[in-house]
Structure formats: C-alpha cells, structure tokens
N, C-alpha and C. Protein backbone atom coordinates (compact mmCIF):
# COMPACT_ATOMS: atom_id res chain seq x y z
N MET A 1 -37.03 -165.38 0.61
CA MET A 1 -36.02 -165.74 0.54
C MET A 1 -35.19 -164.15 1.31
N PRO A 2 -34.73 -164.80 2.43
CA PRO A 2 -33.98 -163.50 2.58
C PRO A 2 -32.48 -163.07 2.69
N ALA A 3 -32.12 -161.32 2.33
CA ALA A 3 -31.16 -161.66 1.83
C ALA A 3 -30.91 -159.56 2.32
N LEU A 4 -29.86 -158.98 2.36
CA LEU A 4 -29.51 -157.88 2.64
C LEU A 4 -28.45 -157.42 1.38
N GLY A 5 -28.56 -155.98 1.09
CA GLY A 5 -27.70 -155.73 -0.32
C GLY A 5 -27.96 -154.29 -0.23
N ARG A 6 -26.73 -153.76 -0.51
CA ARG A 6 -27.37 -152.48 -1.47
C ARG A 6 -25.76 -151.42 -1.56
N VAL A 7 -25.83 -150.70 -2.08
CA VAL A 7 -24.25 -149.89 -2.69
C VAL A 7 -24.38 -148.89 -1.92
N LEU A 8 -22.91 -148.52 -1.23
CA LEU A 8 -22.59 -147.96 -0.28
C LEU A 8 -21.56 -147.00 -1.07
N ASP A 9 -21.83 -145.77 -0.90
CA ASP A 9 -21.22 -144.22 -1.33
C ASP A 9 -20.32 -144.16 0.10
N LEU A 10 -18.85 -145.07 0.38
CA LEU A 10 -18.19 -144.08 1.51
C LEU A 10 -17.40 -143.07 1.07
N ALA A 11 -17.32 -141.79 2.17
CA ALA A 11 -16.42 -141.19 1.73
C ALA A 11 -14.81 -141.65 2.30
N SER A 12 -13.86 -140.52 1.83
CA SER A 12 -12.52 -141.07 2.60
C SER A 12 -12.57 -140.87 3.65
N GLY A 13 -12.03 -141.95 4.47
CA GLY A 13 -11.98 -142.39 6.13
C GLY A 13 -12.79 -142.67 6.77
N ALA A 14 -14.13 -142.83 5.92
CA ALA A 14 -15.17 -143.11 6.73
C ALA A 14 -15.54 -144.70 6.83
N THR A 15 -15.97 -145.09 7.62
CA THR A 15 -16.95 -146.58 8.13
C THR A 15 -17.92 -146.34 8.13
N SER A 16 -18.40 -147.40 7.36
CA SER A 16 -19.68 -147.00 7.57
C SER A 16 -20.82 -147.88 8.74
N ALA A 17 -22.49 -147.93 9.04
CA ALA A 17 -22.88 -148.09 10.22
C ALA A 17 -22.89 -149.93 9.92
N ASN A 18 -23.50 -150.58 11.27
CA ASN A 18 -23.55 -152.03 10.58
C ASN A 18 -24.56 -151.80 9.88
N GLN A 19 -24.32 -152.68 9.09
CA GLN A 19 -25.53 -153.19 8.09
C GLN A 19 -26.62 -154.32 8.35
N PHE A 20 -26.74 -154.79 9.52
CA PHE A 20 -27.33 -155.55 10.03
C PHE A 20 -28.20 -154.52 11.04
N ALA A 21 -28.20 -153.24 11.49
CA ALA A 21 -28.70 -153.01 12.39
C ALA A 21 -30.03 -152.41 11.65
N ASP A 22 -30.98 -152.20 12.77
CA ASP A 22 -32.45 -151.96 12.42
C ASP A 22 -32.68 -152.40 11.08
N THR A 23 -32.72 -153.74 11.29
CA THR A 23 -33.19 -154.44 10.07
C THR A 23 -34.18 -156.02 10.71
N THR A 24 -35.08 -156.55 10.04
CA THR A 24 -35.43 -157.89 10.29
C THR A 24 -34.14 -159.12 11.32
N TYR A 25 -33.00 -158.60 10.77
CA TYR A 25 -31.99 -159.84 11.10
C TYR A 25 -30.95 -159.53 11.80
N GLN A 26 -31.17 -158.20 12.66
CA GLN A 26 -30.37 -157.61 13.37
C GLN A 26 -30.24 -158.87 14.66
N THR A 27 -30.79 -159.48 14.68
CA THR A 27 -30.92 -160.93 15.71
C THR A 27 -31.40 -162.32 14.74
N VAL A 28 -30.68 -163.27 14.76
CA VAL A 28 -30.57 -164.23 13.82
C VAL A 28 -31.38 -165.45 14.51
N SER A 29 -31.75 -166.44 14.54
CA SER A 29 -31.63 -167.85 15.07
C SER A 29 -30.79 -168.99 15.06
N PRO A 30 -29.98 -169.75 15.38
CA PRO A 30 -29.57 -170.81 15.98
C PRO A 30 -29.71 -171.42 14.71
N GLY A 31 -28.53 -171.97 13.84
CA GLY A 31 -28.73 -172.50 12.36
C GLY A 31 -28.90 -172.07 11.25
N THR A 32 -28.93 -170.32 12.01
CA THR A 32 -29.15 -169.51 10.35
C THR A 32 -27.74 -169.40 9.38
N ARG A 33 -27.29 -169.64 8.31
CA ARG A 33 -25.92 -169.19 7.76
C ARG A 33 -25.78 -167.99 7.22
N LEU A 34 -25.09 -167.25 7.19
CA LEU A 34 -24.75 -166.07 6.61
C LEU A 34 -23.73 -166.19 5.84
N VAL A 35 -23.72 -165.25 4.38
CA VAL A 35 -23.02 -165.70 3.21
C VAL A 35 -22.38 -164.12 3.31
N VAL A 36 -21.55 -163.66 3.01
CA VAL A 36 -21.32 -162.26 2.77
C VAL A 36 -20.33 -162.43 1.55
N SER A 37 -20.74 -161.49 0.81
CA SER A 37 -20.29 -160.99 -0.58
C SER A 37 -20.12 -159.81 -0.73
N ALA A 38 -18.97 -159.46 -1.43
CA ALA A 38 -18.78 -157.42 -1.80
C ALA A 38 -17.61 -157.13 -2.80
N GLY A 39 -17.83 -155.78 -3.34
CA GLY A 39 -16.66 -155.70 -4.00
C GLY A 39 -16.84 -154.17 -3.75
N SER A 40 -15.31 -153.68 -4.34
CA SER A 40 -15.39 -152.24 -4.12
C SER A 40 -15.04 -151.49 -5.42
N GLN A 41 -15.13 -150.44 -5.53
CA GLN A 41 -15.09 -149.31 -6.87
C GLN A 41 -14.75 -148.41 -6.77
N ASP A 42 -13.84 -147.36 -7.35
CA ASP A 42 -14.20 -145.55 -7.41
C ASP A 42 -15.05 -145.59 -8.73
N ALA A 43 -15.39 -143.95 -8.43
CA ALA A 43 -16.73 -143.32 -8.96
C ALA A 43 -16.21 -143.24 -10.69
N THR A 44 -15.56 -143.70 -10.88
CA THR A 44 -15.19 -143.75 -12.85
C THR A 44 -14.93 -145.11 -13.26
N GLY A 45 -15.20 -146.25 -12.20
CA GLY A 45 -14.81 -147.31 -12.25
C GLY A 45 -13.22 -147.73 -12.84
N ALA A 46 -12.37 -146.84 -12.33
CA ALA A 46 -10.61 -147.08 -12.67
C ALA A 46 -10.14 -147.84 -11.91
N LEU A 47 -10.42 -148.64 -11.05
CA LEU A 47 -9.62 -149.47 -10.44
C LEU A 47 -9.77 -150.67 -11.06
N LYS A 48 -8.45 -151.27 -11.14
CA LYS A 48 -7.99 -152.35 -11.92
C LYS A 48 -7.66 -153.54 -10.67
N ALA A 49 -7.95 -155.34 -11.06
CA ALA A 49 -7.86 -156.06 -10.30
C ALA A 49 -5.92 -156.39 -9.92
N GLY A 50 -5.53 -155.91 -9.03
CA GLY A 50 -4.44 -155.91 -8.94
C GLY A 50 -3.98 -155.23 -8.72
N THR A 51 -4.82 -153.85 -7.87
CA THR A 51 -4.52 -152.47 -7.56
C THR A 51 -5.54 -153.39 -6.07
N ASN A 52 -4.98 -152.09 -4.61
CA ASN A 52 -5.52 -152.42 -3.52
C ASN A 52 -6.31 -151.01 -3.64
N PRO A 53 -7.86 -151.18 -3.19
CA PRO A 53 -8.77 -150.13 -3.40
C PRO A 53 -8.80 -149.40 -2.24
N GLU A 54 -8.19 -150.14 -0.98
CA GLU A 54 -8.02 -149.59 0.03
C GLU A 54 -9.24 -149.19 1.19
N VAL A 55 -10.04 -150.86 0.63
CA VAL A 55 -11.29 -150.20 1.78
C VAL A 55 -11.51 -152.38 2.50
N SER A 56 -11.94 -152.34 3.45
CA SER A 56 -11.81 -153.26 4.42
C SER A 56 -13.55 -153.48 4.99
N TYR A 57 -13.43 -154.95 5.43
CA TYR A 57 -14.79 -154.80 6.33
C TYR A 57 -14.35 -155.37 7.46
N THR A 58 -15.29 -155.60 8.13
CA THR A 58 -15.21 -156.47 9.63
C THR A 58 -16.69 -157.27 9.61
N PHE A 59 -16.41 -157.97 10.38
CA PHE A 59 -17.89 -158.79 10.37
C PHE A 59 -17.60 -160.20 11.42
N ARG A 60 -18.63 -159.68 12.43
CA ARG A 60 -18.81 -161.04 13.31
C ARG A 60 -20.16 -161.09 13.98
N VAL A 61 -20.28 -162.18 14.88
CA VAL A 61 -21.37 -162.20 15.11
C VAL A 61 -21.33 -162.86 16.60
N ASN A 62 -22.40 -162.06 17.46
CA ASN A 62 -22.02 -161.71 19.10
C ASN A 62 -20.75 -161.43 19.30
N ALA A 63 -19.72 -162.14 19.88
CA ALA A 63 -18.30 -161.88 20.64
C ALA A 63 -17.29 -162.41 19.44
N VAL A 64 -17.60 -163.07 18.22
CA VAL A 64 -16.97 -164.35 17.50
C VAL A 64 -16.47 -163.36 16.17
N ASP A 65 -15.20 -162.61 16.28
CA ASP A 65 -14.35 -162.22 15.28
C ASP A 65 -13.99 -163.09 13.78
N LEU A 66 -14.85 -163.06 12.78
CA LEU A 66 -14.65 -163.55 11.61
C LEU A 66 -13.85 -163.10 10.69
N ALA A 67 -13.50 -161.51 10.62
CA ALA A 67 -13.02 -160.74 9.75
C ALA A 67 -12.69 -159.18 10.11
N THR A 68 -11.60 -159.20 10.56
CA THR A 68 -11.59 -157.47 11.08
C THR A 68 -10.47 -156.92 9.90
N ALA A 69 -10.63 -155.98 9.46
CA ALA A 69 -10.11 -155.01 8.83
C ALA A 69 -9.51 -156.22 7.43
N VAL A 70 -10.42 -156.87 6.66
CA VAL A 70 -10.06 -157.83 5.63
C VAL A 70 -10.27 -156.77 4.17
N ASN A 71 -9.30 -156.83 3.44
CA ASN A 71 -9.55 -156.32 2.48
C ASN A 71 -10.46 -156.85 1.38
N VAL A 72 -11.64 -155.36 0.99
CA VAL A 72 -12.41 -156.01 0.05
C VAL A 72 -11.97 -155.99 -1.61
N PRO A 73 -12.59 -156.95 -2.13
CA PRO A 73 -11.97 -157.32 -3.82
C PRO A 73 -12.53 -156.01 -4.71
N ILE A 74 -11.74 -155.78 -5.83
CA ILE A 74 -12.11 -154.36 -6.56
C ILE A 74 -13.38 -155.41 -7.58
N ILE A 75 -13.97 -154.56 -8.18
CA ILE A 75 -15.28 -154.95 -8.72
C ILE A 75 -14.75 -154.79 -10.13
N SER A 76 -14.41 -156.02 -11.31
CA SER A 76 -15.16 -155.80 -12.64
C SER A 76 -16.17 -155.75 -13.53
N ASP A 77 -15.95 -155.13 -14.43
CA ASP A 77 -17.14 -154.95 -14.98
C ASP A 77 -18.19 -156.08 -15.67
N GLY A 78 -19.30 -156.20 -15.58
CA GLY A 78 -19.68 -157.21 -16.06
C GLY A 78 -20.00 -158.62 -14.64
N THR A 79 -19.39 -158.45 -13.73
CA THR A 79 -19.78 -159.06 -12.93
C THR A 79 -20.83 -159.21 -11.79
N ALA A 80 -21.38 -160.25 -11.03
CA ALA A 80 -22.34 -160.08 -10.15
C ALA A 80 -22.39 -160.25 -8.64
N ILE A 81 -22.55 -159.23 -7.77
CA ILE A 81 -22.13 -159.60 -6.19
C ILE A 81 -23.19 -160.41 -5.89
N SER A 82 -22.31 -161.82 -5.65
CA SER A 82 -23.52 -162.94 -4.75
C SER A 82 -23.00 -163.88 -4.06
N SER A 83 -23.94 -164.61 -3.39
CA SER A 83 -23.01 -165.65 -2.71
C SER A 83 -22.82 -166.68 -3.27
N GLN A 84 -23.07 -166.84 -5.04
CA GLN A 84 -22.82 -167.91 -6.05
C GLN A 84 -21.65 -167.17 -6.69
N ASN A 85 -21.01 -166.16 -6.84
CA ASN A 85 -20.02 -165.63 -7.24
C ASN A 85 -18.77 -165.94 -6.16
N ALA A 86 -17.53 -166.97 -6.52
CA ALA A 86 -17.10 -167.22 -5.37
C ALA A 86 -15.65 -166.01 -5.77
N ALA A 87 -15.38 -165.17 -6.42
CA ALA A 87 -14.80 -164.09 -6.43
C ALA A 87 -14.61 -162.86 -5.40
N TYR A 88 -16.60 -162.79 -4.94
CA TYR A 88 -16.76 -162.25 -4.12
C TYR A 88 -17.12 -162.38 -2.86
N GLN A 89 -17.19 -163.89 -2.49
CA GLN A 89 -18.03 -164.76 -1.64
C GLN A 89 -16.45 -164.45 -0.53
N MET A 90 -16.81 -163.50 0.70
CA MET A 90 -15.93 -163.29 1.74
C MET A 90 -15.91 -163.93 2.96
N ASN A 91 -17.09 -164.58 3.07
CA ASN A 91 -17.11 -165.24 4.24
C ASN A 91 -18.84 -166.22 4.63
N ALA A 92 -18.58 -167.12 5.04
CA ALA A 92 -20.07 -168.03 5.13
C ALA A 92 -20.05 -168.00 6.80
N PHE A 93 -20.96 -168.67 7.57
CA PHE A 93 -20.72 -168.51 8.95
C PHE A 93 -22.04 -169.37 9.64
N THR A 94 -22.01 -170.39 9.71
CA THR A 94 -23.50 -170.43 10.34
C THR A 94 -23.75 -170.27 12.38
N CYS A 95 -24.59 -169.69 12.52
CA CYS A 95 -24.80 -169.33 14.00
C CYS A 95 -25.05 -170.32 14.72
N THR A 96 -24.56 -170.31 15.69
CA THR A 96 -24.87 -171.63 16.76
C THR A 96 -25.42 -171.31 18.05
N ALA A 97 -25.56 -169.96 18.37
CA ALA A 97 -26.11 -169.45 20.39
C ALA A 97 -27.52 -168.97 19.73
N ALA A 98 -28.04 -169.25 20.86
CA ALA A 98 -29.46 -169.10 21.27
C ALA A 98 -30.36 -167.78 20.59
N THR A 99 -29.21 -166.60 20.71
CA THR A 99 -29.24 -165.17 19.91
C THR A 99 -28.08 -165.20 19.33
N ASN A 100 -28.42 -164.86 17.94
CA ASN A 100 -27.10 -164.19 17.16
C ASN A 100 -27.14 -162.82 16.74
N ARG A 101 -26.34 -162.12 17.11
CA ARG A 101 -26.26 -160.49 16.75
C ARG A 101 -25.46 -160.50 15.49
N PRO A 102 -25.36 -160.30 14.33
CA PRO A 102 -24.44 -160.15 13.42
C PRO A 102 -23.73 -158.51 13.02
N PHE A 103 -22.76 -158.18 12.70
CA PHE A 103 -22.31 -156.99 12.66
C PHE A 103 -21.27 -157.01 11.66
N LEU A 104 -21.72 -155.69 10.72
CA LEU A 104 -21.02 -156.39 9.08
C LEU A 104 -20.73 -154.77 9.39
N THR A 105 -19.76 -154.24 9.27
CA THR A 105 -19.27 -152.82 8.39
C THR A 105 -18.65 -153.06 6.96
N PHE A 106 -18.25 -151.68 6.52
CA PHE A 106 -17.09 -151.43 5.68
C PHE A 106 -16.40 -149.90 5.74
N THR A 107 -15.07 -150.04 5.65
CA THR A 107 -13.97 -149.10 6.00
C THR A 107 -13.49 -148.45 4.82
N ASN A 108 -13.34 -147.44 4.45
CA ASN A 108 -12.66 -146.87 3.39
C ASN A 108 -11.31 -145.97 3.71
N SER A 109 -10.38 -146.15 3.77
CA SER A 109 -8.66 -145.94 3.87
C SER A 109 -8.22 -145.01 2.94
N SER A 110 -8.98 -145.19 1.89
CA SER A 110 -8.32 -144.62 0.65
C SER A 110 -8.04 -142.79 0.95
N SER A 111 -7.63 -142.01 -0.35
CA SER A 111 -8.02 -140.84 -0.15
C SER A 111 -9.35 -139.80 -1.13
N ALA A 112 -10.20 -141.27 -2.10
CA ALA A 112 -11.10 -140.83 -2.18
C ALA A 112 -12.15 -141.73 -1.94
N ASN A 113 -13.74 -141.12 -2.22
CA ASN A 113 -14.63 -141.96 -2.07
C ASN A 113 -14.80 -143.31 -2.84
N ARG A 114 -15.17 -144.15 -2.15
CA ARG A 114 -15.75 -145.94 -2.43
C ARG A 114 -16.81 -145.96 -2.84
N PHE A 115 -17.14 -146.69 -3.24
CA PHE A 115 -18.29 -147.38 -3.22
C PHE A 115 -18.31 -148.73 -3.21
N VAL A 116 -18.80 -149.70 -2.20
CA VAL A 116 -18.98 -150.82 -2.01
C VAL A 116 -20.73 -151.58 -2.37
N THR A 117 -20.31 -152.30 -2.57
CA THR A 117 -21.21 -153.13 -3.13
C THR A 117 -21.67 -154.89 -2.13
N TYR A 118 -22.61 -154.60 -1.62
CA TYR A 118 -22.39 -155.81 -0.29
C TYR A 118 -23.94 -156.79 -0.67
N PHE A 119 -23.66 -157.89 -0.55
CA PHE A 119 -25.17 -158.65 -0.53
C PHE A 119 -24.97 -160.14 0.63
N VAL A 120 -25.44 -159.69 1.43
CA VAL A 120 -25.61 -160.64 2.54
C VAL A 120 -26.65 -162.14 2.41
N ASN A 121 -26.32 -163.24 2.00
CA ASN A 121 -27.68 -164.18 1.90
C ASN A 121 -27.77 -164.87 3.27
N ILE A 122 -28.75 -164.86 3.66
CA ILE A 122 -29.50 -165.05 4.83
C ILE A 122 -30.09 -166.75 4.65
N GLN A 123 -29.53 -167.69 5.21
CA GLN A 123 -30.32 -168.66 4.91
C GLN A 123 -30.79 -169.22 6.22
N THR A 124 -31.58 -169.42 6.10
CA THR A 124 -32.64 -170.20 7.46
C THR A 124 -32.99 -171.80 7.30
N GLY A 125 -34.06 -172.24 7.82
CA GLY A 125 -34.38 -173.52 8.08
C GLY A 125 -35.03 -173.77 6.89
N GLN A 126 -35.98 -172.64 6.82
CA GLN A 126 -37.15 -172.06 5.74
C GLN A 126 -37.26 -171.89 4.43
N ALA A 127 -35.90 -170.72 4.36
CA ALA A 127 -35.88 -170.26 3.36
C ALA A 127 -34.67 -170.15 3.09
N GLN A 128 -33.70 -170.33 1.46
CA GLN A 128 -32.58 -170.10 1.30
C GLN A 128 -32.63 -169.14 0.12
N VAL A 129 -31.36 -168.70 -0.16
CA VAL A 129 -31.15 -167.57 -1.44
C VAL A 129 -29.74 -168.05 -1.92
N GLY A 130 -29.63 -168.27 -2.84
CA GLY A 130 -28.07 -168.53 -3.86
C GLY A 130 -28.09 -170.19 -3.66
N GLY A 131 -28.46 -170.75 -2.68
CA GLY A 131 -28.05 -172.25 -2.44
C GLY A 131 -26.33 -172.17 -2.12
N VAL A 132 -25.65 -171.76 -1.51
CA VAL A 132 -24.69 -171.89 -1.16
C VAL A 132 -24.23 -171.92 0.20
C-alpha cells in the first residue's frame, strides 16, 4: 500500500526539498493516481481556523503545474491528515505520460517556524491506500 508522508519542520522563509526525490516514487507509471493531503501548524498549536498560516505548496507532474504557491490549511486538534479527510485533500491527479516525475514542495512565508504534515496516497493498478 504505497504512500509518502511525514512532518516537516520549516524555518521562516524556507522551502522544502522535493518530497518525491530519492524515493521509490520519484518516477511513477501511467495510470498512477496521486492524492496529496497536507496541513500546517506552529510549534505551540496556536494557529486557529480562519487565519493564514503563510504556508503554501507547489505540486506538478512533469511539466504540468497542478498547484503553484497554494495555501495549506491549518491543522485542527484531533483531525487526521489523510486522503479520506476532505478538509486536507489538496489535489488528486492521475498520471498519463509513459514516465511521470512528481514534484511536491512546501514553502513557509511566515516569520516563524511552521510544521507541515503531509500524506500522499499513491494509487497504482496493484494497490490503493485510502480508497479515494
């Protein structure tokens, strides 16, 4: 059941590395569906819904820009970041090229550190996680 996910600690002004780089999924087959979910929060959990966390993400596959500098939602207490939680599902894309190179980064534009939790459901013909 393929998936990528982790918590990133981004310093003020920082952009993460491509989260697909140097993984088994730096290239994926045609027909693979990528479902990106993410949320952000500060170190104290003080960010509340309705405020701008000043964290964005960029997602592309090959030369197709699917999201460029799109805001990431704030993580609320007790909610799970997964492809099954629509509040955090940012993008879903089915790859069509013979070779597909996904690219996913997060940028912190705030004046303080931010934590970004992300989960990428990688649905292939052989396996699915989350069923979305």
